[in-house]
C-alpha atoms as a PDB file:
ATOM      1  CA  MET A   1      62.945  99.324 148.846  1.00  0.00           C
ATOM      2  CA  THR A   2      60.417 102.151 149.225  1.00  0.00           C
ATOM      3  CA  LEU A   3      58.641 103.880 146.344  1.00  0.00           C
ATOM      4  CA  ARG A   4      60.665 107.065 146.922  1.00  0.00           C
ATOM      5  CA  LYS A   5      63.946 105.147 146.682  1.00  0.00           C
ATOM      6  CA  LEU A   6      62.745 103.428 143.515  1.00  0.00           C
ATOM      7  CA  ASN A   7      61.852 106.767 141.924  1.00  0.00           C
ATOM      8  CA  ARG A   8      65.237 108.189 142.922  1.00  0.00           C
ATOM      9  CA  TYR A   9      67.009 105.128 141.485  1.00  0.00           C
ATOM     10  CA  PHE A  10      65.238 105.318 138.121  1.00  0.00           C
ATOM     11  CA  PHE A  11      65.717 109.095 137.961  1.00  0.00           C
ATOM     12  CA  LYS A  12      69.464 108.666 138.431  1.00  0.00           C
ATOM     13  CA  LYS A  13      69.513 105.907 135.811  1.00  0.00           C
ATOM     14  CA  LYS A  14      67.658 108.073 133.286  1.00  0.00           C
ATOM     15  CA  SER A  15      69.969 110.998 134.019  1.00  0.00           C
ATOM     16  CA  SER A  16      73.001 108.790 133.399  1.00  0.00           C
ATOM     17  CA  LEU A  17      71.544 107.605 130.110  1.00  0.00           C
ATOM     18  CA  LEU A  18      70.830 111.176 129.041  1.00  0.00           C
ATOM     19  CA  LEU A  19      74.403 112.191 129.852  1.00  0.00           C
ATOM     20  CA  LEU A  20      75.623 109.388 127.608  1.00  0.00           C
ATOM     21  CA  ILE A  21      73.246 110.322 124.774  1.00  0.00           C
ATOM     22  CA  VAL A  22      73.861 114.095 124.816  1.00  0.00           C
ATOM     23  CA  PRO A  23      77.406 113.949 123.317  1.00  0.00           C
ATOM     24  CA  LEU A  24      76.127 111.771 120.460  1.00  0.00           C
ATOM     25  CA  VAL A  25      73.208 114.134 119.784  1.00  0.00           C
ATOM     26  CA  VAL A  26      75.540 117.151 119.799  1.00  0.00           C
ATOM     27  CA  TYR A  27      77.957 115.374 117.465  1.00  0.00           C
ATOM     28  CA  LEU A  28      75.190 114.423 115.006  1.00  0.00           C
ATOM     29  CA  PHE A  29      73.793 117.959 115.025  1.00  0.00           C
ATOM     30  CA  VAL A  30      77.142 119.725 114.578  1.00  0.00           C
ATOM     31  CA  PHE A  31      78.647 117.389 111.980  1.00  0.00           C
ATOM     32  CA  PHE A  32      75.555 116.049 110.168  1.00  0.00           C
ATOM     33  CA  VAL A  33      72.234 117.822 110.708  1.00  0.00           C
ATOM     34  CA  TYR A  34      73.472 121.410 110.544  1.00  0.00           C
ATOM     35  CA  PRO A  35      75.840 120.952 107.549  1.00  0.00           C
ATOM     36  CA  LEU A  36      73.179 119.031 105.610  1.00  0.00           C
ATOM     37  CA  THR A  37      70.493 121.620 106.397  1.00  0.00           C
ATOM     38  CA  TYR A  38      72.776 124.494 105.445  1.00  0.00           C
ATOM     39  CA  GLU A  39      73.801 122.734 102.234  1.00  0.00           C
ATOM     40  CA  VAL A  40      70.167 122.365 101.181  1.00  0.00           C
ATOM     41  CA  TYR A  41      69.495 125.983 102.177  1.00  0.00           C
ATOM     42  CA  ILE A  42      72.467 127.499 100.337  1.00  0.00           C
ATOM     43  CA  SER A  43      71.688 125.518  97.166  1.00  0.00           C
ATOM     44  CA  PHE A  44      68.706 127.812  96.571  1.00  0.00           C
ATOM     45  CA  PHE A  45      70.967 130.863  96.378  1.00  0.00           C
ATOM     46  CA  ASN A  46      73.350 132.271  93.811  1.00  0.00           C
ATOM     47  CA  TYR A  47      76.192 132.524  96.295  1.00  0.00           C
ATOM     48  CA  SER A  48      79.867 132.915  95.494  1.00  0.00           C
ATOM     49  CA  LEU A  49      82.805 133.443  97.849  1.00  0.00           C
ATOM     50  CA  GLY A  50      83.980 136.140  95.452  1.00  0.00           C
ATOM     51  CA  SER A  51      80.795 138.171  96.061  1.00  0.00           C
ATOM     52  CA  PRO A  52      79.740 139.622  99.449  1.00  0.00           C
ATOM     53  CA  THR A  53      76.024 139.106  98.740  1.00  0.00           C
ATOM     54  CA  LYS A  54      73.862 136.168  97.793  1.00  0.00           C
ATOM     55  CA  SER A  55      70.609 136.248  95.844  1.00  0.00           C
ATOM     56  CA  PHE A  56      67.740 133.796  96.094  1.00  0.00           C
ATOM     57  CA  VAL A  57      67.248 131.833  92.847  1.00  0.00           C
ATOM     58  CA  GLY A  58      64.957 129.037  94.043  1.00  0.00           C
ATOM     59  CA  PHE A  59      65.524 125.956  91.901  1.00  0.00           C
ATOM     60  CA  GLY A  60      67.665 127.935  89.470  1.00  0.00           C
ATOM     61  CA  ASN A  61      70.839 126.035  90.319  1.00  0.00           C
ATOM     62  CA  TYR A  62      69.088 122.721  89.751  1.00  0.00           C
ATOM     63  CA  VAL A  63      67.559 123.885  86.460  1.00  0.00           C
ATOM     64  CA  TYR A  64      70.979 125.019  85.255  1.00  0.00           C
ATOM     65  CA  MET A  65      72.499 121.696  86.335  1.00  0.00           C
ATOM     66  CA  PHE A  66      70.032 119.485  84.449  1.00  0.00           C
ATOM     67  CA  PHE A  67      69.517 121.605  81.332  1.00  0.00           C
ATOM     68  CA  LYS A  68      72.718 123.597  80.740  1.00  0.00           C
ATOM     69  CA  ASP A  69      75.663 122.045  82.577  1.00  0.00           C
ATOM     70  CA  VAL A  70      77.121 119.549  80.098  1.00  0.00           C
ATOM     71  CA  GLN A  71      80.123 118.871  82.347  1.00  0.00           C
ATOM     72  CA  PHE A  72      77.811 117.653  85.110  1.00  0.00           C
ATOM     73  CA  PHE A  73      76.421 114.901  82.876  1.00  0.00           C
ATOM     74  CA  VAL A  74      79.960 114.007  81.784  1.00  0.00           C
ATOM     75  CA  SER A  75      80.888 113.595  85.458  1.00  0.00           C
ATOM     76  CA  VAL A  76      77.799 111.436  86.054  1.00  0.00           C
ATOM     77  CA  LYS A  77      78.708 109.201  83.102  1.00  0.00           C
ATOM     78  CA  ASN A  78      82.319 108.889  84.279  1.00  0.00           C
ATOM     79  CA  THR A  79      81.180 108.083  87.816  1.00  0.00           C
ATOM     80  CA  PHE A  80      78.842 105.299  86.730  1.00  0.00           C
ATOM     81  CA  ILE A  81      81.429 103.763  84.391  1.00  0.00           C
ATOM     82  CA  PHE A  82      84.048 103.949  87.143  1.00  0.00           C
ATOM     83  CA  ILE A  83      81.799 102.454  89.831  1.00  0.00           C
ATOM     84  CA  THR A  84      80.304  99.718  87.639  1.00  0.00           C
ATOM     85  CA  LEU A  85      83.603  98.453  86.250  1.00  0.00           C
ATOM     86  CA  ALA A  86      85.407  98.591  89.596  1.00  0.00           C
ATOM     87  CA  MET A  87      82.570  96.910  91.495  1.00  0.00           C
ATOM     88  CA  LEU A  88      82.052  94.057  89.027  1.00  0.00           C
ATOM     89  CA  ILE A  89      85.757  93.265  88.678  1.00  0.00           C
ATOM     90  CA  GLU A  90      86.279  93.493  92.461  1.00  0.00           C
ATOM     91  CA  LEU A  91      83.452  91.012  93.022  1.00  0.00           C
ATOM     92  CA  VAL A  92      84.856  88.509  90.513  1.00  0.00           C
ATOM     93  CA  ILE A  93      88.474  88.783  91.678  1.00  0.00           C
ATOM     94  CA  GLY A  94      87.495  88.969  95.347  1.00  0.00           C
ATOM     95  CA  PHE A  95      85.292  85.894  95.137  1.00  0.00           C
ATOM     96  CA  THR A  96      88.008  83.955  93.286  1.00  0.00           C
ATOM     97  CA  ILE A  97      90.705  84.840  95.820  1.00  0.00           C
ATOM     98  CA  ALA A  98      88.371  84.110  98.734  1.00  0.00           C
ATOM     99  CA  LEU A  99      87.697  80.629  97.350  1.00  0.00           C
ATOM    100  CA  ALA A 100      91.438  80.049  97.020  1.00  0.00           C
ATOM    101  CA  LEU A 101      92.082  81.224 100.594  1.00  0.00           C
ATOM    102  CA  ASN A 102      89.212  79.234 102.084  1.00  0.00           C
ATOM    103  CA  LYS A 103      91.594  76.654 103.529  1.00  0.00           C
ATOM    104  CA  GLU A 104      93.150  76.113 106.924  1.00  0.00           C
ATOM    105  CA  SER A 105      96.956  76.266 106.942  1.00  0.00           C
ATOM    106  CA  LYS A 106      99.755  78.382 108.375  1.00  0.00           C
ATOM    107  CA  SER A 107     100.532  80.014 105.042  1.00  0.00           C
ATOM    108  CA  MET A 108      96.868  80.936 104.485  1.00  0.00           C
ATOM    109  CA  GLY A 109      96.805  82.857 107.750  1.00  0.00           C
ATOM    110  CA  LEU A 110      99.832  84.862 106.648  1.00  0.00           C
ATOM    111  CA  LEU A 111      98.316  85.571 103.226  1.00  0.00           C
ATOM    112  CA  ARG A 112      95.103  86.831 104.807  1.00  0.00           C
ATOM    113  CA  SER A 113      97.150  89.272 106.895  1.00  0.00           C
ATOM    114  CA  LEU A 114      99.209  90.514 103.945  1.00  0.00           C
ATOM    115  CA  ILE A 115      96.293  90.915 101.574  1.00  0.00           C
ATOM    116  CA  ILE A 116      94.746  93.707 103.663  1.00  0.00           C
ATOM    117  CA  ILE A 117      97.806  95.989 103.329  1.00  0.00           C
ATOM    118  CA  PRO A 118      96.554  98.022 100.287  1.00  0.00           C
ATOM    119  CA  THR A 119      93.331  98.883 102.121  1.00  0.00           C
ATOM    120  CA  SER A 120      95.244 100.212 105.143  1.00  0.00           C
ATOM    121  CA  LEU A 121      96.941 102.898 103.012  1.00  0.00           C
ATOM    122  CA  THR A 122      95.399 106.369 102.708  1.00  0.00           C
ATOM    123  CA  PRO A 123      93.838 107.161  99.303  1.00  0.00           C
ATOM    124  CA  MET A 124      96.125 110.163  98.815  1.00  0.00           C
ATOM    125  CA  ALA A 125      99.240 108.042  99.411  1.00  0.00           C
ATOM    126  CA  VAL A 126      97.916 105.424  96.999  1.00  0.00           C
ATOM    127  CA  GLY A 127      97.193 108.131  94.438  1.00  0.00           C
ATOM    128  CA  MET A 128     100.704 109.596  94.641  1.00  0.00           C
ATOM    129  CA  ALA A 129     102.286 106.137  94.374  1.00  0.00           C
ATOM    130  CA  TRP A 130     100.252 105.201  91.298  1.00  0.00           C
ATOM    131  CA  LYS A 131     100.841 108.624  89.759  1.00  0.00           C
ATOM    132  CA  THR A 132     104.546 107.797  89.860  1.00  0.00           C
ATOM    133  CA  LEU A 133     103.888 104.369  88.335  1.00  0.00           C
ATOM    134  CA  TYR A 134     101.874 105.988  85.514  1.00  0.00           C
ATOM    135  CA  ASN A 135     104.435 108.772  84.948  1.00  0.00           C
ATOM    136  CA  PRO A 136     105.355 108.847  81.212  1.00  0.00           C
ATOM    137  CA  ASP A 137     109.038 109.613  81.894  1.00  0.00           C
ATOM    138  CA  MET A 138     109.940 107.425  84.876  1.00  0.00           C
ATOM    139  CA  GLY A 139     106.892 105.234  85.503  1.00  0.00           C
ATOM    140  CA  ALA A 140     107.194 101.465  85.401  1.00  0.00           C
ATOM    141  CA  ILE A 141     103.830 100.922  83.707  1.00  0.00           C
ATOM    142  CA  PRO A 142     104.518 103.075  80.579  1.00  0.00           C
ATOM    143  CA  TYR A 143     107.956 101.484  80.320  1.00  0.00           C
ATOM    144  CA  TYR A 144     106.612  97.929  80.199  1.00  0.00           C
ATOM    145  CA  LEU A 145     103.764  98.954  77.898  1.00  0.00           C
ATOM    146  CA  ASN A 146     106.317 100.374  75.476  1.00  0.00           C
ATOM    147  CA  CYS A 147     108.342  97.151  75.750  1.00  0.00           C
ATOM    148  CA  LEU A 148     105.221  95.231  74.742  1.00  0.00           C
ATOM    149  CA  GLY A 149     104.775  97.429  71.676  1.00  0.00           C
ATOM    150  CA  GLY A 150     102.463 100.095  73.058  1.00  0.00           C
ATOM    151  CA  THR A 151     102.621 103.564  71.528  1.00  0.00           C
ATOM    152  CA  ASN A 152     100.912 105.529  74.294  1.00  0.00           C
ATOM    153  CA  SER A 153     103.331 107.226  76.691  1.00  0.00           C
ATOM    154  CA  ALA A 154     101.061 106.785  79.713  1.00  0.00           C
ATOM    155  CA  PRO A 155      97.507 105.442  80.162  1.00  0.00           C
ATOM    156  CA  THR A 156      96.497 108.451  82.293  1.00  0.00           C
ATOM    157  CA  LEU A 157      97.418 110.907  79.486  1.00  0.00           C
ATOM    158  CA  ASN A 158      95.110 109.265  76.960  1.00  0.00           C
ATOM    159  CA  PRO A 159      91.430 110.260  77.300  1.00  0.00           C
ATOM    160  CA  SER A 160      90.321 106.823  76.086  1.00  0.00           C
ATOM    161  CA  THR A 161      92.299 104.900  78.729  1.00  0.00           C
ATOM    162  CA  ALA A 162      92.625 107.326  81.651  1.00  0.00           C
ATOM    163  CA  LEU A 163      89.413 106.271  83.407  1.00  0.00           C
ATOM    164  CA  PHE A 164      90.238 102.572  83.059  1.00  0.00           C
ATOM    165  CA  ALA A 165      93.692 103.252  84.532  1.00  0.00           C
ATOM    166  CA  LEU A 166      91.964 104.697  87.592  1.00  0.00           C
ATOM    167  CA  VAL A 167      89.667 101.665  87.776  1.00  0.00           C
ATOM    168  CA  ILE A 168      92.794  99.505  88.118  1.00  0.00           C
ATOM    169  CA  VAL A 169      93.926 101.599  91.088  1.00  0.00           C
ATOM    170  CA  GLU A 170      90.509 101.287  92.720  1.00  0.00           C
ATOM    171  CA  ILE A 171      90.528  97.524  92.215  1.00  0.00           C
ATOM    172  CA  TRP A 172      94.050  97.213  93.645  1.00  0.00           C
ATOM    173  CA  GLN A 173      93.197  99.093  96.817  1.00  0.00           C
ATOM    174  CA  TRP A 174      89.715  97.839  97.664  1.00  0.00           C
ATOM    175  CA  THR A 175      89.549  94.258  96.407  1.00  0.00           C
ATOM    176  CA  PRO A 176      91.099  93.060  99.727  1.00  0.00           C
ATOM    177  CA  ILE A 177      87.982  94.262 101.566  1.00  0.00           C
ATOM    178  CA  VAL A 178      85.831  92.222  99.194  1.00  0.00           C
ATOM    179  CA  VAL A 179      88.098  89.209  99.743  1.00  0.00           C
ATOM    180  CA  LEU A 180      87.794  89.401 103.537  1.00  0.00           C
ATOM    181  CA  LEU A 181      84.004  89.789 103.451  1.00  0.00           C
ATOM    182  CA  MET A 182      83.637  86.943 100.969  1.00  0.00           C
ATOM    183  CA  LEU A 183      85.981  84.765 103.007  1.00  0.00           C
ATOM    184  CA  ALA A 184      84.033  85.430 106.204  1.00  0.00           C
ATOM    185  CA  ALA A 185      80.808  84.475 104.401  1.00  0.00           C
ATOM    186  CA  LEU A 186      82.364  81.287 103.014  1.00  0.00           C
ATOM    187  CA  LYS A 187      83.520  80.294 106.505  1.00  0.00           C
ATOM    188  CA  SER A 188      79.966  80.661 107.803  1.00  0.00           C
ATOM    189  CA  LEU A 189      78.336  78.383 105.205  1.00  0.00           C
ATOM    190  CA  PRO A 190      76.871  75.194 106.732  1.00  0.00           C
ATOM    191  CA  LEU A 191      78.992  72.148 105.943  1.00  0.00           C
ATOM    192  CA  GLU A 192      76.016  69.803 106.294  1.00  0.00           C
ATOM    193  CA  ILE A 193      74.606  70.952 102.943  1.00  0.00           C
ATOM    194  CA  TYR A 194      77.868  70.143 101.165  1.00  0.00           C
ATOM    195  CA  GLU A 195      78.011  66.744 102.843  1.00  0.00           C
ATOM    196  CA  ALA A 196      74.464  66.026 101.732  1.00  0.00           C
ATOM    197  CA  GLY A 197      75.337  67.060  98.188  1.00  0.00           C
ATOM    198  CA  ARG A 198      78.414  64.833  98.240  1.00  0.00           C
ATOM    199  CA  VAL A 199      76.292  61.898  99.360  1.00  0.00           C
ATOM    200  CA  ASP A 200      73.902  62.546  96.471  1.00  0.00           C
ATOM    201  CA  GLY A 201      76.831  62.451  94.041  1.00  0.00           C
ATOM    202  CA  ALA A 202      77.247  66.186  93.377  1.00  0.00           C
ATOM    203  CA  SER A 203      80.530  67.146  91.724  1.00  0.00           C
ATOM    204  CA  ILE A 204      82.690  70.085  92.849  1.00  0.00           C
ATOM    205  CA  TRP A 205      81.262  72.270  90.088  1.00  0.00           C
ATOM    206  CA  GLN A 206      77.677  71.281  90.924  1.00  0.00           C
ATOM    207  CA  SER A 207      78.245  72.033  94.615  1.00  0.00           C
ATOM    208  CA  PHE A 208      79.652  75.436  93.665  1.00  0.00           C
ATOM    209  CA  LYS A 209      76.841  76.234  91.236  1.00  0.00           C
ATOM    210  CA  TYR A 210      73.849  74.959  93.220  1.00  0.00           C
ATOM    211  CA  ILE A 211      75.029  75.446  96.824  1.00  0.00           C
ATOM    212  CA  THR A 212      77.803  78.030  97.129  1.00  0.00           C
ATOM    213  CA  ILE A 213      76.451  80.610  94.661  1.00  0.00           C
ATOM    214  CA  PRO A 214      72.856  80.652  96.023  1.00  0.00           C
ATOM    215  CA  LEU A 215      74.068  80.820  99.630  1.00  0.00           C
ATOM    216  CA  MET A 216      76.553  83.591  98.797  1.00  0.00           C
ATOM    217  CA  ARG A 217      74.099  85.670  96.742  1.00  0.00           C
ATOM    218  CA  PRO A 218      72.918  87.901  99.651  1.00  0.00           C
ATOM    219  CA  ILE A 219      76.464  88.759 100.757  1.00  0.00           C
ATOM    220  CA  ILE A 220      77.471  89.415  97.134  1.00  0.00           C
ATOM    221  CA  ILE A 221      74.623  91.901  96.754  1.00  0.00           C
ATOM    222  CA  LEU A 222      75.486  93.486 100.109  1.00  0.00           C
ATOM    223  CA  ILE A 223      79.147  93.883  99.121  1.00  0.00           C
ATOM    224  CA  ALA A 224      78.076  95.357  95.786  1.00  0.00           C
ATOM    225  CA  MET A 225      75.947  97.904  97.638  1.00  0.00           C
ATOM    226  CA  LEU A 226      78.833  98.848  99.935  1.00  0.00           C
ATOM    227  CA  ARG A 227      81.252  99.217  97.029  1.00  0.00           C
ATOM    228  CA  VAL A 228      78.809 101.324  95.011  1.00  0.00           C
ATOM    229  CA  ILE A 229      78.168 103.690  97.919  1.00  0.00           C
ATOM    230  CA  ASP A 230      81.885 103.891  98.697  1.00  0.00           C
ATOM    231  CA  GLY A 231      82.695 104.453  95.019  1.00  0.00           C
ATOM    232  CA  MET A 232      80.325 107.419  94.974  1.00  0.00           C
ATOM    233  CA  LYS A 233      82.631 109.117  97.494  1.00  0.00           C
ATOM    234  CA  THR A 234      85.848 108.602  95.514  1.00  0.00           C
ATOM    235  CA  PHE A 235      87.850 111.802  95.222  1.00  0.00           C
ATOM    236  CA  ASP A 236      91.370 111.680  96.726  1.00  0.00           C
ATOM    237  CA  THR A 237      92.898 109.042  94.470  1.00  0.00           C
ATOM    238  CA  ILE A 238      91.534 110.479  91.233  1.00  0.00           C
ATOM    239  CA  TRP A 239      92.468 114.019  92.203  1.00  0.00           C
ATOM    240  CA  ALA A 240      96.028 112.943  93.078  1.00  0.00           C
ATOM    241  CA  ILE A 241      96.590 110.965  89.857  1.00  0.00           C
ATOM    242  CA  THR A 242      94.830 112.927  87.100  1.00  0.00           C
ATOM    243  CA  GLY A 243      93.044 115.879  88.711  1.00  0.00           C
ATOM    244  CA  GLY A 244      90.049 114.998  86.513  1.00  0.00           C
ATOM    245  CA  GLY A 245      91.995 115.138  83.257  1.00  0.00           C
ATOM    246  CA  PRO A 246      92.969 114.851  80.547  1.00  0.00           C
ATOM    247  CA  GLY A 247      90.184 117.295  79.792  1.00  0.00           C
ATOM    248  CA  THR A 248      87.158 115.875  81.574  1.00  0.00           C
ATOM    249  CA  ALA A 249      87.967 112.199  80.878  1.00  0.00           C
ATOM    250  CA  THR A 250      88.264 111.304  84.580  1.00  0.00           C
ATOM    251  CA  THR A 251      86.096 114.011  86.119  1.00  0.00           C
ATOM    252  CA  VAL A 252      83.706 112.210  88.479  1.00  0.00           C
ATOM    253  CA  MET A 253      80.890 113.928  90.355  1.00  0.00           C
ATOM    254  CA  ASN A 254      82.918 114.741  93.471  1.00  0.00           C
ATOM    255  CA  LEU A 255      85.609 116.329  91.314  1.00  0.00           C
ATOM    256  CA  ARG A 256      82.918 118.402  89.624  1.00  0.00           C
ATOM    257  CA  VAL A 257      81.847 119.652  93.055  1.00  0.00           C
ATOM    258  CA  TYR A 258      85.475 120.485  93.873  1.00  0.00           C
ATOM    259  CA  ASP A 259      85.919 122.347  90.586  1.00  0.00           C
ATOM    260  CA  VAL A 260      82.728 124.391  91.043  1.00  0.00           C
ATOM    261  CA  GLY A 261      83.018 125.024  94.773  1.00  0.00           C
ATOM    262  CA  ILE A 262      86.780 125.413  95.315  1.00  0.00           C
ATOM    263  CA  GLN A 263      88.144 126.446  91.934  1.00  0.00           C
ATOM    264  CA  GLN A 264      85.244 128.641  90.789  1.00  0.00           C
ATOM    265  CA  LEU A 265      84.031 129.587  94.328  1.00  0.00           C
ATOM    266  CA  ARG A 266      80.371 129.006  93.330  1.00  0.00           C
ATOM    267  CA  ILE A 267      79.222 127.661  96.682  1.00  0.00           C
ATOM    268  CA  GLY A 268      75.490 127.676  95.967  1.00  0.00           C
ATOM    269  CA  TYR A 269      75.803 125.679  92.770  1.00  0.00           C
ATOM    270  CA  ALA A 270      78.330 123.272  94.346  1.00  0.00           C
ATOM    271  CA  ALA A 271      75.846 122.625  97.160  1.00  0.00           C
ATOM    272  CA  ALA A 272      73.142 121.821  94.601  1.00  0.00           C
ATOM    273  CA  ILE A 273      75.417 119.276  92.879  1.00  0.00           C
ATOM    274  CA  SER A 274      76.261 117.726  96.276  1.00  0.00           C
ATOM    275  CA  ASN A 275      72.565 117.332  97.056  1.00  0.00           C
ATOM    276  CA  VAL A 276      71.958 115.561  93.757  1.00  0.00           C
ATOM    277  CA  ILE A 277      74.922 113.231  94.404  1.00  0.00           C
ATOM    278  CA  SER A 278      73.478 112.360  97.824  1.00  0.00           C
ATOM    279  CA  LEU A 279      70.079 111.679  96.247  1.00  0.00           C
ATOM    280  CA  ILE A 280      71.626 109.415  93.593  1.00  0.00           C
ATOM    281  CA  GLY A 281      73.480 107.505  96.323  1.00  0.00           C
ATOM    282  CA  LEU A 282      70.258 107.038  98.294  1.00  0.00           C
ATOM    283  CA  ILE A 283      68.423 105.781  95.206  1.00  0.00           C
ATOM    284  CA  LEU A 284      71.183 103.302  94.316  1.00  0.00           C
ATOM    285  CA  GLY A 285      71.363 102.089  97.909  1.00  0.00           C
ATOM    286  CA  GLY A 286      67.583 101.712  98.038  1.00  0.00           C
ATOM    287  CA  VAL A 287      67.533  99.696  94.808  1.00  0.00           C
ATOM    288  CA  LEU A 288      70.228  97.317  96.054  1.00  0.00           C
ATOM    289  CA  ILE A 289      68.504  96.936  99.435  1.00  0.00           C
ATOM    290  CA  TYR A 290      65.234  96.134  97.636  1.00  0.00           C
ATOM    291  CA  ILE A 291      67.017  93.485  95.550  1.00  0.00           C
ATOM    292  CA  LEU A 292      68.661  92.077  98.681  1.00  0.00           C
ATOM    293  CA  TYR A 293      65.362  91.641 100.536  1.00  0.00           C
ATOM    294  CA  SER A 294      63.146  90.771  97.599  1.00  0.00           C
ATOM    295  CA  LYS A 295      61.606  87.293  97.484  1.00  0.00           C
ATOM    296  CA  LYS A 296      63.619  86.519  94.367  1.00  0.00           C
ATOM    297  CA  TYR A 297      66.790  86.278  96.454  1.00  0.00           C
ATOM    298  CA  GLU A 298      65.431  84.517  99.501  1.00  0.00           C
ATOM    299  CA  MET A 299      67.177  81.236 100.276  1.00  0.00           C
END
C-alpha cells in the first residue's frame, strides 16, 4: 500500500470518527453547556417573566438567598433530612433483602424479577398512587392508623410527620435498585475467602462481620453516593403528594426552585438557587468519592 493510499485511508477513518462525534458534541452543547451557561449568566440579573426588562445585580441574588431567604434554608434542611433518612434505611433494608435473595433457586429468580417493579414506575404515577393511599377520607393508610388508635387523619397533613411519610414512598420505590446492586456485589465476592474462614473455624456471624462487610464496604459507599445524588433531584413524587406542604414541611430545594421560578416567575433568583443546588451536589459527590478512594477503605 502506497503512502498516498495510507493517507487517504486514515483521512477517511478520521472523517468517519468526526461524523460520529459531531452529534454527541451538538447534543452536549444544546442540552448541557448552553443551558448551564445561561443559568449561571441569568442568575446575576433581577429577571422576572412578569417584567420585560432585566437589571444586573451581580451577586445580589446569592446574597439575598444566604442572608434573607428563610424558606431556602428550610428547604435545605428538609432536603438533607429526606436524603439522609431515605438513604440509610434503603441501605439497611436493601442489604438485608440482598442477603436473603443471595441463593440459587427457581423462586429466587422470580422474586428478583418482581422486586424491580416499583422502580419501573414513573415518579408521578407513584406520587398519585401514594397520595390516594394517604388521603384522609378514602386512603388505606389513615384508615389502618385510626384502627390502631391514631388520632391524625393523614400523615401528610401533619407537619411533624409529612416529611417522614414521603421518606416511606422514596424507600418503597428505590430500595429495589439498592437490592439489585447489593445482590450483584454479593455474587461477585470470592468464595475462596469464605472457604478459608470456614476452615479456620469462623462462624456465620464472624464471616459476615470480618469478610462480607469489609468486602462490601466500597459498593455500599458507591450506592450511598448514587442515592444521595439521585435524592437531590427528587421533585415529582413530593410535588404530586404534598406540593411542599403542609406549609413548608415538605418543601425540598427543587420545590423551592419551582415555587420561585414557576409560581413567582423570578427566573434570575430561581437560577441562583439551582446553581447552589448543583454546587451542593458536587460537594457531596466529591466527599463520598474521597471516602470511597481513601486508604481507610482500601481492602
